[in-house]
Amino acid sequence: MKKSNLAESRPREKGLAGLEFAISLPLVLTLTLGVAEFGVGFYQNQLLTEAARSAARYASRIGSPRSEQGLRNLTEKFLQTAGLDPAKATISVVGMTGQPGEPLKVLVSYPAGFTFLSGFFTNVLDDETALLVTGQAAMELE
């Protein structure tokens, strides 16, 4: 009796599942960690946007005279409460001395903090070209 082709091909397929797993695991892990990094970046963007919005809202309501340093202090306090280092943040304010009805713009930038893929991004990017996450808000002065 002759053996079927299926029985003859099995010995050659032994270990193939392990090889497929070894090839696909790095790809799946990189994709999963990339999605997690995107989530961290999105979260930081939301924090910075809220910090800028809070500062712009405060400055638009307090009336004259407005203090840019007071606005920066408020924004830095918000960032510190959120767990970010205020010393790394760049805060830009435009329109502090405007008249009622004119826009006041606040822009907050912060270097992106990579959690999982930091080894790769540390080697690719230096401090001068680090990716920045920004949040901005504009409100009319009252």
C-alpha atoms as a PDB file:
ATOM      1  CA  MET A   1       0.000   0.000   0.000  1.00  0.00           C
ATOM      2  CA  LYS A   2       1.206   3.412  -0.921  1.00  0.00           C
ATOM      3  CA  LYS A   3       1.264   6.271   1.630  1.00  0.00           C
ATOM      4  CA  SER A   4      -0.735   9.358   0.824  1.00  0.00           C
ATOM      5  CA  ASN A   5       0.950  12.630  -0.173  1.00  0.00           C
ATOM      6  CA  LEU A   6      -0.331  14.271   3.001  1.00  0.00           C
ATOM      7  CA  ALA A   7       1.552  11.855   5.224  1.00  0.00           C
ATOM      8  CA  GLU A   8       4.771  12.348   3.242  1.00  0.00           C
ATOM      9  CA  SER A   9       4.640  16.125   3.476  1.00  0.00           C
ATOM     10  CA  ARG A  10       4.222  16.304   7.259  1.00  0.00           C
ATOM     11  CA  PRO A  11       7.816  15.709   8.271  1.00  0.00           C
ATOM     12  CA  ARG A  12       8.941  18.650   6.125  1.00  0.00           C
ATOM     13  CA  GLU A  13       6.398  20.990   7.785  1.00  0.00           C
ATOM     14  CA  LYS A  14       7.561  20.166  11.284  1.00  0.00           C
ATOM     15  CA  GLY A  15       8.735  23.374  13.012  1.00  0.00           C
ATOM     16  CA  LEU A  16       7.168  25.644  10.412  1.00  0.00           C
ATOM     17  CA  ALA A  17       4.726  27.132  12.934  1.00  0.00           C
ATOM     18  CA  GLY A  18       7.630  28.115  15.194  1.00  0.00           C
ATOM     19  CA  LEU A  19       9.414  29.761  12.279  1.00  0.00           C
ATOM     20  CA  GLU A  20       6.277  31.709  11.301  1.00  0.00           C
ATOM     21  CA  PHE A  21       5.871  32.805  14.904  1.00  0.00           C
ATOM     22  CA  ALA A  22       9.509  33.944  15.118  1.00  0.00           C
ATOM     23  CA  ILE A  23       9.144  35.978  11.923  1.00  0.00           C
ATOM     24  CA  SER A  24       5.786  37.571  12.775  1.00  0.00           C
ATOM     25  CA  LEU A  25       6.365  38.291  16.498  1.00  0.00           C
ATOM     26  CA  PRO A  26       8.656  41.334  16.035  1.00  0.00           C
ATOM     27  CA  LEU A  27       6.232  42.834  13.539  1.00  0.00           C
ATOM     28  CA  VAL A  28       3.219  42.328  15.793  1.00  0.00           C
ATOM     29  CA  LEU A  29       5.079  43.652  18.866  1.00  0.00           C
ATOM     30  CA  THR A  30       6.305  46.736  16.989  1.00  0.00           C
ATOM     31  CA  LEU A  31       2.805  47.436  15.717  1.00  0.00           C
ATOM     32  CA  THR A  32       1.278  47.002  19.180  1.00  0.00           C
ATOM     33  CA  LEU A  33       3.860  49.198  20.892  1.00  0.00           C
ATOM     34  CA  GLY A  34       3.526  51.784  18.108  1.00  0.00           C
ATOM     35  CA  VAL A  35      -0.194  52.017  18.803  1.00  0.00           C
ATOM     36  CA  ALA A  36       0.567  52.463  22.514  1.00  0.00           C
ATOM     37  CA  GLU A  37       3.095  55.222  21.697  1.00  0.00           C
ATOM     38  CA  PHE A  38       0.511  56.969  19.556  1.00  0.00           C
ATOM     39  CA  GLY A  39      -1.867  56.847  22.525  1.00  0.00           C
ATOM     40  CA  VAL A  40       0.756  58.430  24.795  1.00  0.00           C
ATOM     41  CA  GLY A  41       1.369  61.187  22.238  1.00  0.00           C
ATOM     42  CA  PHE A  42      -2.351  61.817  21.831  1.00  0.00           C
ATOM     43  CA  TYR A  43      -2.759  62.011  25.614  1.00  0.00           C
ATOM     44  CA  GLN A  44       0.082  64.537  25.858  1.00  0.00           C
ATOM     45  CA  ASN A  45      -1.518  66.567  23.058  1.00  0.00           C
ATOM     46  CA  GLN A  46      -4.795  66.676  24.974  1.00  0.00           C
ATOM     47  CA  LEU A  47      -3.014  67.783  28.163  1.00  0.00           C
ATOM     48  CA  LEU A  48      -1.178  70.575  26.350  1.00  0.00           C
ATOM     49  CA  THR A  49      -4.336  71.728  24.592  1.00  0.00           C
ATOM     50  CA  GLU A  50      -6.168  71.870  27.917  1.00  0.00           C
ATOM     51  CA  ALA A  51      -3.280  73.814  29.487  1.00  0.00           C
ATOM     52  CA  ALA A  52      -3.352  76.324  26.626  1.00  0.00           C
ATOM     53  CA  ARG A  53      -7.155  76.569  26.801  1.00  0.00           C
ATOM     54  CA  SER A  54      -7.107  77.180  30.561  1.00  0.00           C
ATOM     55  CA  ALA A  55      -4.449  79.877  30.225  1.00  0.00           C
ATOM     56  CA  ALA A  56      -6.241  81.602  27.330  1.00  0.00           C
ATOM     57  CA  ARG A  57      -9.562  81.508  29.146  1.00  0.00           C
ATOM     58  CA  TYR A  58      -8.018  82.939  32.309  1.00  0.00           C
ATOM     59  CA  ALA A  59      -6.230  85.721  30.437  1.00  0.00           C
ATOM     60  CA  SER A  60      -9.304  86.614  28.376  1.00  0.00           C
ATOM     61  CA  ARG A  61     -11.438  87.104  31.488  1.00  0.00           C
ATOM     62  CA  ILE A  62      -9.147  88.923  33.947  1.00  0.00           C
ATOM     63  CA  GLY A  63      -9.135  92.220  32.072  1.00  0.00           C
ATOM     64  CA  SER A  64      -6.285  94.722  32.005  1.00  0.00           C
ATOM     65  CA  PRO A  65      -3.536  94.712  32.985  1.00  0.00           C
ATOM     66  CA  ARG A  66      -2.642  91.151  31.961  1.00  0.00           C
ATOM     67  CA  SER A  67       0.630  89.612  33.074  1.00  0.00           C
ATOM     68  CA  GLU A  68       2.364  87.269  30.643  1.00  0.00           C
ATOM     69  CA  GLN A  69       4.475  85.876  33.489  1.00  0.00           C
ATOM     70  CA  GLY A  70       1.318  85.154  35.499  1.00  0.00           C
ATOM     71  CA  LEU A  71      -0.085  83.299  32.491  1.00  0.00           C
ATOM     72  CA  ARG A  72       3.117  81.287  32.143  1.00  0.00           C
ATOM     73  CA  ASN A  73       3.030  80.425  35.857  1.00  0.00           C
ATOM     74  CA  LEU A  74      -0.570  79.224  35.539  1.00  0.00           C
ATOM     75  CA  THR A  75       0.317  77.057  32.534  1.00  0.00           C
ATOM     76  CA  GLU A  76       3.395  75.617  34.257  1.00  0.00           C
ATOM     77  CA  LYS A  77       1.344  74.781  37.352  1.00  0.00           C
ATOM     78  CA  PHE A  78      -1.197  72.960  35.136  1.00  0.00           C
ATOM     79  CA  LEU A  79       1.593  70.971  33.437  1.00  0.00           C
ATOM     80  CA  GLN A  80       3.166  70.075  36.777  1.00  0.00           C
ATOM     81  CA  THR A  81      -0.189  68.879  38.101  1.00  0.00           C
ATOM     82  CA  ALA A  82      -0.564  66.730  34.966  1.00  0.00           C
ATOM     83  CA  GLY A  83       2.814  65.089  35.614  1.00  0.00           C
ATOM     84  CA  LEU A  84       4.830  66.901  32.932  1.00  0.00           C
ATOM     85  CA  ASP A  85       8.059  68.802  33.582  1.00  0.00           C
ATOM     86  CA  PRO A  86       7.253  72.519  33.117  1.00  0.00           C
ATOM     87  CA  ALA A  87      10.935  73.296  32.478  1.00  0.00           C
ATOM     88  CA  LYS A  88      10.762  71.373  29.180  1.00  0.00           C
ATOM     89  CA  ALA A  89       7.676  73.236  27.961  1.00  0.00           C
ATOM     90  CA  THR A  90       7.754  76.182  25.587  1.00  0.00           C
ATOM     91  CA  ILE A  91       4.881  78.621  26.153  1.00  0.00           C
ATOM     92  CA  SER A  92       4.085  81.305  23.589  1.00  0.00           C
ATOM     93  CA  VAL A  93       1.471  84.018  24.120  1.00  0.00           C
ATOM     94  CA  VAL A  94       0.272  86.389  21.383  1.00  0.00           C
ATOM     95  CA  GLY A  95      -2.155  89.242  21.951  1.00  0.00           C
ATOM     96  CA  MET A  96      -1.699  89.904  25.663  1.00  0.00           C
ATOM     97  CA  THR A  97      -2.033  93.668  25.229  1.00  0.00           C
ATOM     98  CA  GLY A  98      -4.983  93.560  22.838  1.00  0.00           C
ATOM     99  CA  GLN A  99      -8.306  95.316  23.191  1.00  0.00           C
ATOM    100  CA  PRO A 100     -11.612  93.592  24.051  1.00  0.00           C
ATOM    101  CA  GLY A 101     -12.832  91.520  21.115  1.00  0.00           C
ATOM    102  CA  GLU A 102      -9.312  90.805  19.818  1.00  0.00           C
ATOM    103  CA  PRO A 103      -7.907  87.260  19.927  1.00  0.00           C
ATOM    104  CA  LEU A 104      -5.442  86.017  22.517  1.00  0.00           C
ATOM    105  CA  LYS A 105      -3.494  82.921  21.426  1.00  0.00           C
ATOM    106  CA  VAL A 106      -1.584  80.530  23.648  1.00  0.00           C
ATOM    107  CA  LEU A 107       0.704  77.814  22.236  1.00  0.00           C
ATOM    108  CA  VAL A 108       2.289  75.176  24.479  1.00  0.00           C
ATOM    109  CA  SER A 109       4.969  72.836  23.060  1.00  0.00           C
ATOM    110  CA  TYR A 110       6.552  69.883  24.813  1.00  0.00           C
ATOM    111  CA  PRO A 111       9.056  67.231  23.633  1.00  0.00           C
ATOM    112  CA  ALA A 112       7.293  63.945  22.963  1.00  0.00           C
ATOM    113  CA  GLY A 113       7.966  61.333  25.625  1.00  0.00           C
ATOM    114  CA  PHE A 114       8.270  57.897  24.063  1.00  0.00           C
ATOM    115  CA  THR A 115       7.747  55.137  26.566  1.00  0.00           C
ATOM    116  CA  PHE A 116       8.112  51.817  24.754  1.00  0.00           C
ATOM    117  CA  LEU A 117      10.151  52.580  21.641  1.00  0.00           C
ATOM    118  CA  SER A 118      12.430  55.103  23.351  1.00  0.00           C
ATOM    119  CA  GLY A 119      15.605  53.199  22.531  1.00  0.00           C
ATOM    120  CA  PHE A 120      14.923  53.462  18.810  1.00  0.00           C
ATOM    121  CA  PHE A 121      13.869  57.098  18.885  1.00  0.00           C
ATOM    122  CA  THR A 122      16.760  58.093  21.157  1.00  0.00           C
ATOM    123  CA  ASN A 123      19.216  56.795  18.575  1.00  0.00           C
ATOM    124  CA  VAL A 124      17.398  58.373  15.631  1.00  0.00           C
ATOM    125  CA  LEU A 125      16.553  61.754  17.171  1.00  0.00           C
ATOM    126  CA  ASP A 126      18.794  63.964  19.267  1.00  0.00           C
ATOM    127  CA  ASP A 127      17.577  66.649  21.671  1.00  0.00           C
ATOM    128  CA  GLU A 128      17.652  69.391  19.054  1.00  0.00           C
ATOM    129  CA  THR A 129      15.384  67.555  16.612  1.00  0.00           C
ATOM    130  CA  ALA A 130      13.082  65.878  19.122  1.00  0.00           C
ATOM    131  CA  LEU A 131       9.467  65.569  18.109  1.00  0.00           C
ATOM    132  CA  LEU A 132       7.289  68.221  19.723  1.00  0.00           C
ATOM    133  CA  VAL A 133       3.719  67.773  20.844  1.00  0.00           C
ATOM    134  CA  THR A 134       1.794  71.045  20.786  1.00  0.00           C
ATOM    135  CA  GLY A 135      -1.455  72.332  22.170  1.00  0.00           C
ATOM    136  CA  GLN A 136      -2.949  75.671  21.251  1.00  0.00           C
ATOM    137  CA  ALA A 137      -5.984  77.770  22.090  1.00  0.00           C
ATOM    138  CA  ALA A 138      -7.379  81.145  21.112  1.00  0.00           C
ATOM    139  CA  MET A 139     -10.006  83.205  22.930  1.00  0.00           C
ATOM    140  CA  GLU A 140     -11.405  86.687  22.475  1.00  0.00           C
ATOM    141  CA  LEU A 141     -10.440  89.197  25.112  1.00  0.00           C
ATOM    142  CA  GLU A 142     -13.298  90.485  27.222  1.00  0.00           C
END
